[in-house]
Amino acid sequence: MARCLAFMLFLQLYCLVSTVGLPLPLEPAELLQLGSDVGGGRLSVDPADLREASGDFGGFTRAEPPLAVYHPRGAGDVAALVRAAYSRGDGLRVSARGHGHSISGQAQAPGGVVVDMSRHKAAARALPAYSSAVGGHYVDVWGGELWIDVLNWTLAHGGLAPRSWTDYLYLSVGGTLSNAGISGQAFHHGPQISNVYELDIVTGKGETVTCSATTNSDLFFGALGGLGQFGIITRARIALEPAPRKVRWIRALYSNFTEFTADQERLISQHGGRRFDYVEAFVVAAEGLINNWRSSFFSPQNPVKLSSLKQHTGVLYCLEVTKNYDDSTAATVDQEVDALLGDLNFLPGTVFTTDLPYVDFLDRVHKAELKLRSKGMWEVPHPWLNLFVPASRIADFDRGVFHGILGSRTSGGPILIYPMNKHKWDPMSSVVTPDEEVFYLVAFLRSALPGAAQTLDELARQNRQILDFCADTGIGAKQYLPNHKSQPSWEAHFGPERWARFASLKAKYDPRAMLATGQGIFPQPATDSAPLLSDS
């Protein structure tokens, strides 16, 4: 039966390749063998599957389609597929795809196989558990699980939740852990990669390895922020905490950048109970405040007093913070918030607050997504650019970019800017951050909307100008969710010491360099029975 299905698969694949004019790298017998060797998962050449796997959220990078999309039933199927590909000896590309939220084709595998991690549903999910060894609760989850599903599961089984988040929850666990996973909680809890106890990873040899900070630690830390280069994350053990019931969500406006950043850095230095639980901010043109998609926060109950902003033109900065509370602390939240706000230097009369359930706050971006989808404004190109900027140069960045390259053209999507503490990031992970204790995320999350004043080409050109400005002025910024076009550029991104370690791990765990080739970090696999890389 397996051989029969594989032969039918080959006939479909042959017709597809003949139609679109792509080369056929697999002989019939080889495809038959691959189809019978990949376990119980489903190898698909359905045109709809291939079309979906050849695009992503970025919407401006569409590669040649993969030869097939693999739908695994579990980790064993993922390992079987990678083993089969590795045994071929010709570097057949294999890339894991979660929710398809990459920007520049990082999860694509032209002429290879894309592993659709999102479709697997565990027959029996693991319940949250307590570990005395780590002194807290955790939950084991499938690498393709969406964070929103993790949240709903852990809330329903013990009122628990992960400690660190991304702003958007419809992302896969393996996807964010392969980058870092950041939001406004990162200043206190660190990124998501600092809140993982253990991983199961299928390496580029098809071996399943359980790793942690104490077992196979080189793979554990390498995979965290490792851009999928060393293996496919099939299981992650995520740290949990008791979830609060409600959130006091607060925004305040600034016109003075120095006061704005000084207040942010003061807030992320606070410890214990006398601190906010989330610190973010964004940049907005004063005249565009109402039209910014994040302005849905400013409800009729919280009107923006534009009259108070008449003397402020050009760029404004909006601080965004939250304080978590539950029934036992509801009586004191007003006093705590007032005390924290009392030290800040925002524009008088521009504080806006709202209270909402914790889950609604975490899922706030999805609500904006639904509105944009209803208007046909979601499935458009997203030429996003994310940078880590050292705190010592953030004022130079403001002058050169917000008041220079962009001027008042801050429409088209949010521009986030908020600081983090480097000591909350494990230096052993593969993520590259600036060499300062405090650094900022600056995220240009803009969309190329049909008929908008700024086209996709113009937004892409501005991104290039921003990167060139950082390079020419020696600001020392590092790309988050990096997208470099050559190996020398990747080497410069990592720096000599970190690059040597990264390349060594690649040689050890993916010697044929066949995983996550869409990142463009290592040369494409050669048609050769010998490993492309050596760890000697």
Protein backbone atom coordinates (compact mmCIF):
# COMPACT_ATOMS: atom_id res chain seq x y z
CA MET A 1 0.00 0.00 0.00
CA ALA A 2 2.78 2.45 0.91
CA ARG A 3 4.53 1.81 -2.43
CA CYS A 4 1.26 2.26 -4.29
CA LEU A 5 0.61 5.59 -2.58
CA ALA A 6 4.17 6.71 -3.23
CA PHE A 7 3.84 5.85 -6.92
CA MET A 8 0.61 7.85 -7.15
CA LEU A 9 2.46 10.69 -5.45
CA PHE A 10 5.21 10.48 -8.03
CA LEU A 11 2.74 10.66 -10.93
CA GLN A 12 1.16 13.79 -9.42
CA LEU A 13 4.59 15.31 -8.82
CA TYR A 14 5.78 14.51 -12.35
CA CYS A 15 2.73 16.19 -13.85
CA LEU A 16 3.20 19.24 -11.62
CA VAL A 17 6.89 19.62 -12.42
CA SER A 18 6.30 19.11 -16.13
CA THR A 19 3.59 21.77 -16.09
CA VAL A 20 5.59 24.48 -14.35
CA GLY A 21 8.91 23.58 -15.97
CA LEU A 22 10.92 22.83 -12.82
CA PRO A 23 13.67 20.22 -12.80
CA LEU A 24 12.83 16.86 -11.27
CA PRO A 25 15.64 15.98 -8.83
CA LEU A 26 14.10 12.69 -7.74
CA GLU A 27 14.03 9.62 -9.91
CA PRO A 28 10.85 7.49 -9.66
CA ALA A 29 12.58 4.83 -7.58
CA GLU A 30 13.98 7.48 -5.24
CA LEU A 31 10.61 9.06 -4.67
CA LEU A 32 9.09 5.64 -4.07
CA GLN A 33 11.76 5.04 -1.44
CA LEU A 34 11.25 8.47 0.13
CA GLY A 35 7.49 7.94 0.23
CA SER A 36 7.91 4.63 2.01
CA ASP A 37 10.57 5.87 4.44
CA VAL A 38 8.88 8.91 5.95
CA GLY A 39 6.80 7.16 8.58
CA GLY A 40 3.07 7.53 8.93
CA GLY A 41 2.86 11.17 7.93
CA ARG A 42 1.35 12.39 4.66
CA LEU A 43 3.53 13.62 1.82
CA SER A 44 1.44 15.99 -0.28
CA VAL A 45 1.87 17.51 -3.74
CA ASP A 46 -1.52 19.16 -3.68
CA PRO A 47 -1.11 22.47 -5.58
CA ALA A 48 -2.85 24.34 -2.74
CA ASP A 49 -0.33 22.98 -0.21
CA LEU A 50 2.62 23.82 -2.46
CA ARG A 51 1.31 27.32 -3.15
CA GLU A 52 0.85 28.04 0.55
CA ALA A 53 4.31 26.71 1.40
CA SER A 54 5.97 28.91 -1.24
CA GLY A 55 4.75 32.15 0.38
CA ASP A 56 4.66 33.70 3.84
CA PHE A 57 3.31 36.61 5.86
CA GLY A 58 5.86 39.00 4.35
CA GLY A 59 4.03 38.61 1.06
CA PHE A 60 6.82 39.91 -1.16
CA THR A 61 9.08 36.84 -1.41
CA ARG A 62 7.57 33.96 -3.35
CA ALA A 63 10.01 31.18 -4.13
CA GLU A 64 9.71 28.26 -6.49
CA PRO A 65 7.39 25.75 -4.84
CA PRO A 66 8.71 22.83 -2.84
CA LEU A 67 8.47 19.38 -4.35
CA ALA A 68 6.19 18.31 -1.53
CA VAL A 69 4.68 19.33 1.79
CA TYR A 70 4.90 16.83 4.62
CA HIS A 71 2.18 16.58 7.25
CA PRO A 72 3.65 14.64 10.19
CA ARG A 73 1.61 12.83 12.82
CA GLY A 74 4.27 13.43 15.44
CA ALA A 75 7.97 13.78 16.17
CA GLY A 76 8.78 10.29 14.89
CA ASP A 77 7.48 11.21 11.45
CA VAL A 78 9.60 14.37 11.37
CA ALA A 79 12.69 12.31 12.25
CA ALA A 80 11.84 9.71 9.59
CA LEU A 81 11.56 12.37 6.90
CA VAL A 82 14.84 14.07 7.81
CA ARG A 83 16.64 10.71 8.01
CA ALA A 84 15.35 9.79 4.56
CA ALA A 85 16.46 13.14 3.15
CA TYR A 86 19.87 12.91 4.86
CA SER A 87 20.47 9.37 3.58
CA ARG A 88 20.00 10.55 -0.02
CA GLY A 89 23.30 12.38 0.18
CA ASP A 90 22.37 15.18 -2.23
CA GLY A 91 21.26 17.80 0.27
CA LEU A 92 17.50 17.65 -0.33
CA ARG A 93 16.22 20.80 1.38
CA VAL A 94 13.93 20.41 4.39
CA SER A 95 12.30 23.35 6.17
CA ALA A 96 9.84 23.42 9.07
CA ARG A 97 6.88 25.77 8.71
CA GLY A 98 4.66 26.80 11.60
CA HIS A 99 2.08 29.52 11.05
CA GLY A 100 3.93 30.91 8.03
CA HIS A 101 4.66 34.24 9.71
CA SER A 102 8.20 34.68 8.38
CA ILE A 103 8.87 37.86 6.41
CA SER A 104 11.46 37.05 3.75
CA GLY A 105 10.99 33.41 2.78
CA GLN A 106 12.92 31.96 5.72
CA ALA A 107 10.71 28.84 5.91
CA GLN A 108 10.63 28.14 2.18
CA ALA A 109 12.34 25.15 0.56
CA PRO A 110 12.38 25.47 -3.24
CA GLY A 111 12.73 22.03 -4.77
CA GLY A 112 12.70 20.42 -1.32
CA VAL A 113 10.19 19.41 1.33
CA VAL A 114 8.37 21.75 3.71
CA VAL A 115 7.28 20.16 6.99
CA ASP A 116 3.91 21.61 7.97
CA MET A 117 4.20 21.64 11.75
CA SER A 118 0.88 23.43 12.25
CA ARG A 119 -1.45 20.57 11.33
CA HIS A 120 -0.38 18.03 13.95
CA LYS A 121 -2.81 17.65 16.83
CA ALA A 122 -1.53 15.60 19.73
CA ALA A 123 -3.82 12.74 20.64
CA ALA A 124 -3.31 13.57 24.30
CA ARG A 125 -1.81 16.89 25.30
CA ALA A 126 0.47 16.96 28.32
CA LEU A 127 -1.01 18.59 31.39
CA PRO A 128 0.90 21.32 33.21
CA ALA A 129 3.11 19.92 35.96
CA TYR A 130 5.18 21.16 38.88
CA SER A 131 8.91 20.55 39.19
CA SER A 132 10.76 21.07 42.43
CA ALA A 133 14.00 21.06 40.44
CA VAL A 134 13.06 24.30 38.67
CA GLY A 135 10.82 25.58 41.45
CA GLY A 136 7.78 26.12 39.29
CA HIS A 137 5.23 24.83 36.83
CA TYR A 138 5.82 23.90 33.21
CA VAL A 139 4.03 22.36 30.25
CA ASP A 140 5.34 20.23 27.37
CA VAL A 141 4.00 21.35 23.98
CA TRP A 142 4.35 20.37 20.32
CA GLY A 143 6.75 22.57 18.37
CA GLY A 144 4.04 23.57 15.90
CA GLU A 145 1.54 24.53 18.60
CA LEU A 146 0.32 28.12 18.48
CA TRP A 147 0.92 30.23 21.58
CA ILE A 148 -2.78 31.10 21.78
CA ASP A 149 -3.56 27.38 22.11
CA VAL A 150 -0.87 26.96 24.76
CA LEU A 151 -2.42 29.84 26.69
CA ASN A 152 -5.96 28.47 26.50
CA TRP A 153 -4.77 24.99 27.51
CA THR A 154 -2.75 26.06 30.54
CA LEU A 155 -5.45 28.48 31.72
CA ALA A 156 -8.03 25.70 31.57
CA HIS A 157 -5.76 23.34 33.53
CA GLY A 158 -4.63 25.16 36.63
CA GLY A 159 -5.08 28.85 35.80
CA LEU A 160 -1.48 29.04 34.56
CA ALA A 161 0.16 30.88 31.68
CA PRO A 162 3.61 31.25 30.10
CA ARG A 163 5.63 34.11 31.57
CA SER A 164 6.96 35.72 28.41
CA TRP A 165 5.05 36.52 25.23
CA THR A 166 5.05 37.93 21.75
CA ASP A 167 2.54 40.65 20.88
CA TYR A 168 0.78 38.30 18.44
CA LEU A 169 -0.19 34.87 19.77
CA TYR A 170 -0.93 33.09 16.50
CA LEU A 171 2.70 32.10 16.09
CA SER A 172 4.17 28.64 16.57
CA VAL A 173 6.23 27.72 19.62
CA GLY A 174 9.10 26.38 17.51
CA GLY A 175 9.05 29.46 15.32
CA THR A 176 9.40 32.03 18.09
CA LEU A 177 11.95 29.94 20.00
CA SER A 178 14.06 29.78 16.85
CA ASN A 179 14.23 33.59 16.90
CA ALA A 180 13.76 34.80 20.52
CA GLY A 181 10.13 35.71 21.18
CA ILE A 182 9.77 39.19 22.67
CA SER A 183 7.13 41.55 23.96
CA GLY A 184 6.73 44.04 26.78
CA GLN A 185 7.37 41.40 29.47
CA ALA A 186 10.92 40.73 28.24
CA PHE A 187 12.53 43.43 30.40
CA HIS A 188 11.55 41.40 33.49
CA HIS A 189 11.18 37.77 32.40
CA GLY A 190 13.52 37.85 29.44
CA PRO A 191 12.51 36.66 25.96
CA GLN A 192 10.64 33.40 25.44
CA ILE A 193 13.96 31.60 24.88
CA SER A 194 14.88 32.44 28.48
CA ASN A 195 11.74 30.67 29.70
CA VAL A 196 12.29 27.18 28.31
CA TYR A 197 13.54 24.24 30.37
CA GLU A 198 13.95 21.52 27.75
CA LEU A 199 13.64 20.79 24.03
CA ASP A 200 13.29 17.77 21.75
CA ILE A 201 15.03 18.48 18.45
CA VAL A 202 15.27 16.48 15.23
CA THR A 203 18.75 17.29 13.92
CA GLY A 204 19.82 17.49 10.30
CA LYS A 205 20.88 13.85 10.54
CA GLY A 206 17.38 12.76 11.53
CA GLU A 207 18.38 12.05 15.13
CA THR A 208 15.96 13.01 17.92
CA VAL A 209 17.87 14.69 20.75
CA THR A 210 16.50 15.77 24.12
CA CYS A 211 18.45 18.77 25.38
CA SER A 212 18.48 21.29 28.19
CA ALA A 213 20.89 23.63 29.95
CA THR A 214 22.61 20.58 31.47
CA THR A 215 22.10 17.85 28.83
CA ASN A 216 23.34 18.34 25.26
CA SER A 217 23.55 21.99 26.21
CA ASP A 218 25.36 23.06 23.04
CA LEU A 219 22.34 22.06 20.96
CA PHE A 220 19.88 23.51 23.48
CA PHE A 221 21.41 26.97 23.54
CA GLY A 222 22.31 26.85 19.86
CA ALA A 223 18.75 26.08 18.81
CA LEU A 224 17.31 28.88 20.96
CA GLY A 225 17.47 31.80 18.56
CA GLY A 226 19.27 29.51 16.09
CA LEU A 227 17.01 30.32 13.11
CA GLY A 228 16.25 26.63 12.56
CA GLN A 229 19.83 25.85 11.53
CA PHE A 230 20.53 22.88 13.81
CA GLY A 231 17.24 21.01 13.88
CA ILE A 232 13.47 21.07 14.02
CA ILE A 233 11.97 21.71 17.47
CA THR A 234 9.29 19.07 18.06
CA ARG A 235 8.75 19.58 21.80
CA ALA A 236 9.38 22.45 24.20
CA ARG A 237 9.04 22.52 27.98
CA ILE A 238 7.70 26.01 28.74
CA ALA A 239 7.91 27.78 32.11
CA LEU A 240 4.52 28.78 33.58
CA GLU A 241 3.25 31.10 36.30
CA PRO A 242 -0.17 31.74 37.88
CA ALA A 243 -2.11 33.89 35.45
CA PRO A 244 -3.54 37.21 36.70
CA ARG A 245 -7.22 37.85 36.10
CA LYS A 246 -7.13 41.44 34.90
CA VAL A 247 -4.87 44.11 33.47
CA ARG A 248 -4.76 47.89 33.93
CA TRP A 249 -3.64 49.09 30.48
CA ILE A 250 -2.16 52.59 30.41
CA ARG A 251 -0.87 54.88 27.68
CA ALA A 252 0.78 58.29 27.95
CA LEU A 253 2.15 60.64 25.30
CA TYR A 254 5.55 62.35 25.07
CA SER A 255 6.98 64.95 22.74
CA ASN A 256 10.46 65.01 24.29
CA PHE A 257 12.47 61.95 23.24
CA THR A 258 15.04 62.28 26.01
CA GLU A 259 12.36 62.26 28.71
CA PHE A 260 10.56 59.43 26.91
CA THR A 261 13.57 57.09 26.86
CA ALA A 262 14.72 58.09 30.35
CA ASP A 263 11.30 57.11 31.72
CA GLN A 264 11.32 53.81 29.85
CA GLU A 265 14.78 52.93 31.14
CA ARG A 266 13.73 53.87 34.67
CA LEU A 267 10.71 51.57 34.42
CA ILE A 268 12.69 48.52 33.27
CA SER A 269 15.17 48.98 36.12
CA GLN A 270 12.50 48.60 38.81
CA HIS A 271 12.20 45.31 40.67
CA GLY A 272 9.85 43.46 42.97
CA GLY A 273 6.20 44.40 43.23
CA ARG A 274 6.80 48.10 42.61
CA ARG A 275 7.02 47.87 38.83
CA PHE A 276 4.83 47.59 35.79
CA ASP A 277 4.41 44.11 34.29
CA TYR A 278 4.74 45.19 30.68
CA VAL A 279 6.61 48.12 29.09
CA GLU A 280 6.37 48.97 25.40
CA ALA A 281 5.98 52.13 23.35
CA PHE A 282 5.47 53.30 19.80
CA VAL A 283 6.15 56.24 17.53
CA VAL A 284 3.35 58.12 15.84
CA ALA A 285 2.86 61.34 13.89
CA ALA A 286 0.81 63.77 15.99
CA GLU A 287 -1.69 64.33 13.19
CA GLY A 288 -2.03 60.58 12.63
CA LEU A 289 -2.72 59.57 16.21
CA ILE A 290 -6.37 58.80 15.69
CA ASN A 291 -5.77 56.82 12.49
CA ASN A 292 -3.05 54.56 13.89
CA TRP A 293 -4.42 51.01 14.18
CA ARG A 294 -3.36 50.87 17.80
CA SER A 295 -5.60 53.87 18.51
CA SER A 296 -8.57 51.51 18.99
CA PHE A 297 -7.38 51.66 22.59
CA PHE A 298 -8.58 55.25 22.72
CA SER A 299 -12.26 54.40 23.07
CA PRO A 300 -15.14 56.87 23.57
CA GLN A 301 -14.54 56.40 27.29
CA ASN A 302 -10.91 57.49 26.77
CA PRO A 303 -11.04 60.32 24.18
CA VAL A 304 -7.77 61.81 22.99
CA LYS A 305 -7.80 65.52 23.81
CA LEU A 306 -6.32 66.75 20.52
CA SER A 307 -6.62 70.32 21.77
CA SER A 308 -3.89 69.53 24.29
CA LEU A 309 -1.57 68.47 21.44
CA LYS A 310 -2.02 71.49 19.15
CA GLN A 311 1.41 72.89 19.98
CA HIS A 312 3.06 69.52 19.23
CA THR A 313 3.67 68.76 15.56
CA GLY A 314 5.65 66.04 13.85
CA VAL A 315 6.59 63.01 15.93
CA LEU A 316 5.08 61.93 19.25
CA TYR A 317 5.98 58.94 21.40
CA CYS A 318 3.39 56.83 23.20
CA LEU A 319 4.40 54.88 26.31
CA GLU A 320 2.37 51.73 26.89
CA VAL A 321 2.44 49.90 30.25
CA THR A 322 0.29 47.48 32.19
CA LYS A 323 -0.23 46.42 35.78
CA ASN A 324 -1.62 42.94 36.40
CA TYR A 325 -4.03 42.32 39.25
CA ASP A 326 -6.64 39.91 40.56
CA ASP A 327 -9.42 39.98 43.13
CA SER A 328 -7.00 40.06 46.05
CA THR A 329 -5.08 43.10 44.74
CA ALA A 330 -7.87 45.02 42.98
CA ALA A 331 -8.30 47.35 45.98
CA THR A 332 -4.70 48.59 45.76
CA VAL A 333 -4.09 48.72 41.99
CA ASP A 334 -5.09 52.39 41.73
CA GLN A 335 -2.60 53.40 44.40
CA GLU A 336 0.19 51.29 42.87
CA VAL A 337 -0.36 52.67 39.39
CA ASP A 338 -0.53 56.26 40.61
CA ALA A 339 2.75 55.84 42.46
CA LEU A 340 4.47 54.43 39.37
CA LEU A 341 3.09 57.12 37.09
CA GLY A 342 4.04 59.85 39.53
CA ASP A 343 7.72 59.52 38.61
CA LEU A 344 7.17 59.95 34.86
CA ASN A 345 7.41 63.01 32.61
CA PHE A 346 4.67 62.49 30.01
CA LEU A 347 2.63 65.37 28.58
CA PRO A 348 0.02 66.56 31.12
CA GLY A 349 -3.49 65.40 30.36
CA THR A 350 -2.45 62.58 28.03
CA VAL A 351 -2.79 59.53 30.28
CA PHE A 352 -5.39 57.04 29.07
CA THR A 353 -6.35 53.87 30.92
CA THR A 354 -8.61 50.91 30.47
CA ASP A 355 -9.15 47.66 32.38
CA LEU A 356 -9.70 44.33 30.67
CA PRO A 357 -9.25 40.59 31.23
CA TYR A 358 -5.69 39.30 31.01
CA VAL A 359 -6.46 37.05 28.06
CA ASP A 360 -8.04 39.91 26.11
CA PHE A 361 -4.93 42.01 26.60
CA LEU A 362 -2.60 39.23 25.45
CA ASP A 363 -4.78 38.59 22.39
CA ARG A 364 -5.22 42.26 21.49
CA VAL A 365 -3.37 42.11 18.17
CA HIS A 366 -5.58 39.29 16.91
CA LYS A 367 -8.60 41.52 17.38
CA ALA A 368 -6.88 44.12 15.22
CA GLU A 369 -6.10 41.38 12.69
CA LEU A 370 -9.77 40.47 12.37
CA LYS A 371 -10.66 44.10 11.67
CA LEU A 372 -7.95 44.38 9.05
CA ARG A 373 -9.00 41.11 7.42
CA SER A 374 -12.57 42.35 7.16
CA LYS A 375 -11.28 45.37 5.22
CA GLY A 376 -8.92 43.36 2.99
CA MET A 377 -5.91 44.96 4.67
CA TRP A 378 -4.22 41.92 6.24
CA GLU A 379 -3.05 39.76 3.34
CA VAL A 380 -0.84 42.45 1.84
CA PRO A 381 2.97 42.77 1.68
CA HIS A 382 4.62 43.38 5.06
CA PRO A 383 8.16 44.69 4.54
CA TRP A 384 8.95 44.62 8.25
CA LEU A 385 12.28 45.62 9.72
CA ASN A 386 13.25 44.82 13.32
CA LEU A 387 16.38 46.21 14.93
CA PHE A 388 18.10 46.02 18.30
CA VAL A 389 19.66 49.44 18.96
CA PRO A 390 22.06 50.11 21.87
CA ALA A 391 20.68 52.58 24.40
CA SER A 392 23.73 54.83 24.09
CA ARG A 393 22.83 55.52 20.44
CA ILE A 394 19.03 55.57 20.56
CA ALA A 395 18.93 59.40 20.50
CA ASP A 396 21.09 59.39 17.35
CA PHE A 397 18.69 56.88 15.85
CA ASP A 398 15.73 59.12 16.69
CA ARG A 399 17.31 62.14 15.01
CA GLY A 400 18.51 60.25 11.95
CA VAL A 401 15.48 58.03 11.35
CA PHE A 402 12.30 59.31 13.01
CA HIS A 403 13.14 62.97 12.32
CA GLY A 404 15.28 62.33 9.26
CA ILE A 405 14.60 59.42 6.93
CA LEU A 406 10.95 59.09 7.90
CA GLY A 407 10.14 62.65 8.93
CA SER A 408 6.42 62.62 9.67
CA ARG A 409 5.82 59.57 7.44
CA THR A 410 5.11 57.16 10.29
CA SER A 411 1.88 55.80 8.80
CA GLY A 412 1.44 52.35 7.28
CA GLY A 413 1.66 50.43 10.53
CA PRO A 414 3.08 50.54 14.06
CA ILE A 415 6.65 51.55 14.79
CA LEU A 416 7.51 50.05 18.17
CA ILE A 417 10.35 51.22 20.39
CA TYR A 418 11.04 49.83 23.85
CA PRO A 419 14.06 48.82 25.96
CA MET A 420 15.18 45.50 27.39
CA ASN A 421 17.79 44.32 29.88
CA LYS A 422 20.59 42.23 28.38
CA HIS A 423 21.16 40.29 31.60
CA LYS A 424 17.75 38.66 31.04
CA TRP A 425 19.10 37.07 27.83
CA ASP A 426 21.29 33.99 28.13
CA PRO A 427 24.61 34.74 26.39
CA MET A 428 24.85 31.11 25.32
CA SER A 429 21.84 31.39 23.00
CA SER A 430 22.34 32.11 19.31
CA VAL A 431 20.57 35.47 19.35
CA VAL A 432 22.80 38.46 18.61
CA THR A 433 22.16 41.62 20.65
CA PRO A 434 24.17 44.85 21.05
CA ASP A 435 27.05 44.90 23.51
CA GLU A 436 25.29 47.06 26.10
CA GLU A 437 23.22 46.22 29.15
CA VAL A 438 20.20 48.16 27.86
CA PHE A 439 19.16 47.99 24.22
CA TYR A 440 15.97 48.88 22.36
CA LEU A 441 13.80 46.98 19.97
CA VAL A 442 12.82 49.29 17.13
CA ALA A 443 10.29 47.50 14.94
CA PHE A 444 8.93 48.96 11.71
CA LEU A 445 5.77 46.86 11.31
CA ARG A 446 4.47 48.51 8.19
CA SER A 447 2.19 47.25 5.43
CA ALA A 448 2.11 48.09 1.73
CA LEU A 449 -1.60 48.76 1.34
CA PRO A 450 -3.21 49.08 -2.09
CA GLY A 451 -3.47 52.73 -3.03
CA ALA A 452 -1.44 53.90 -0.02
CA ALA A 453 0.90 56.86 -0.33
CA GLN A 454 3.91 54.66 0.41
CA THR A 455 4.34 51.73 -1.96
CA LEU A 456 6.13 48.47 -1.25
CA ASP A 457 9.16 49.74 -3.17
CA GLU A 458 9.26 52.94 -1.14
CA LEU A 459 8.96 51.10 2.18
CA ALA A 460 11.70 48.69 1.13
CA ARG A 461 13.87 51.63 0.08
CA GLN A 462 13.34 53.28 3.47
CA ASN A 463 14.34 50.05 5.20
CA ARG A 464 17.56 50.03 3.19
CA GLN A 465 18.19 53.69 4.07
CA ILE A 466 17.71 52.90 7.76
CA LEU A 467 20.17 50.00 7.61
CA ASP A 468 22.68 52.12 5.68
CA PHE A 469 22.31 54.95 8.21
CA CYS A 470 23.05 52.55 11.09
CA ALA A 471 26.11 51.19 9.27
CA ASP A 472 27.46 54.57 8.18
CA THR A 473 27.13 56.14 11.65
CA GLY A 474 28.44 53.11 13.55
CA ILE A 475 25.33 52.84 15.70
CA GLY A 476 25.96 49.14 16.29
CA ALA A 477 22.40 48.00 15.61
CA LYS A 478 21.69 44.30 15.10
CA GLN A 479 18.83 42.89 13.09
CA TYR A 480 16.22 40.92 14.99
CA LEU A 481 14.57 38.32 12.74
CA PRO A 482 17.68 38.93 10.61
CA ASN A 483 17.68 38.83 6.83
CA HIS A 484 21.15 39.06 5.33
CA LYS A 485 21.96 38.35 1.69
CA SER A 486 25.43 36.82 1.85
CA GLN A 487 27.54 34.68 4.12
CA PRO A 488 30.01 37.54 4.79
CA SER A 489 27.05 39.63 5.95
CA TRP A 490 25.97 36.83 8.27
CA GLU A 491 29.51 36.53 9.61
CA ALA A 492 29.53 40.26 10.34
CA HIS A 493 26.13 39.93 12.03
CA PHE A 494 27.42 37.29 14.44
CA GLY A 495 30.98 38.55 14.87
CA PRO A 496 34.05 36.26 14.66
CA GLU A 497 33.67 34.35 17.93
CA ARG A 498 29.92 33.77 17.74
CA TRP A 499 30.12 32.91 14.05
CA ALA A 500 32.79 30.27 14.71
CA ARG A 501 30.55 28.64 17.32
CA PHE A 502 27.48 28.88 15.08
CA ALA A 503 29.28 27.31 12.11
CA SER A 504 30.69 24.56 14.32
CA LEU A 505 27.21 23.65 15.57
CA LYS A 506 25.97 23.60 11.99
CA ALA A 507 28.72 21.18 10.99
CA LYS A 508 27.90 18.96 13.96
CA TYR A 509 24.12 18.84 13.76
CA ASP A 510 23.33 19.57 10.10
CA PRO A 511 26.48 18.64 8.16
CA ARG A 512 24.70 18.60 4.79
CA ALA A 513 23.31 22.09 5.44
CA MET A 514 19.87 20.99 4.29
CA LEU A 515 17.71 22.50 7.07
CA ALA A 516 16.15 25.97 6.93
CA THR A 517 17.99 26.94 3.76
CA GLY A 518 15.56 29.83 3.26
CA GLN A 519 17.56 31.77 5.87
CA GLY A 520 20.43 31.94 3.35
CA ILE A 521 23.11 31.54 6.03
CA PHE A 522 25.11 28.62 4.66
CA PRO A 523 25.80 27.60 1.04
CA GLN A 524 23.17 25.48 -0.62
CA PRO A 525 23.86 21.75 -0.35
CA ALA A 526 25.99 20.28 -3.11
CA THR A 527 24.99 17.10 -4.93
CA ASP A 528 27.49 15.04 -3.05
CA SER A 529 27.46 12.02 -0.82
CA ALA A 530 29.90 13.66 1.59
CA PRO A 531 28.86 16.16 4.27
CA LEU A 532 28.98 19.74 3.01
CA LEU A 533 30.39 20.96 6.32
CA SER A 534 32.95 19.44 8.63
CA ASP A 535 33.10 19.83 12.39
CA SER A 536 36.74 18.86 12.53
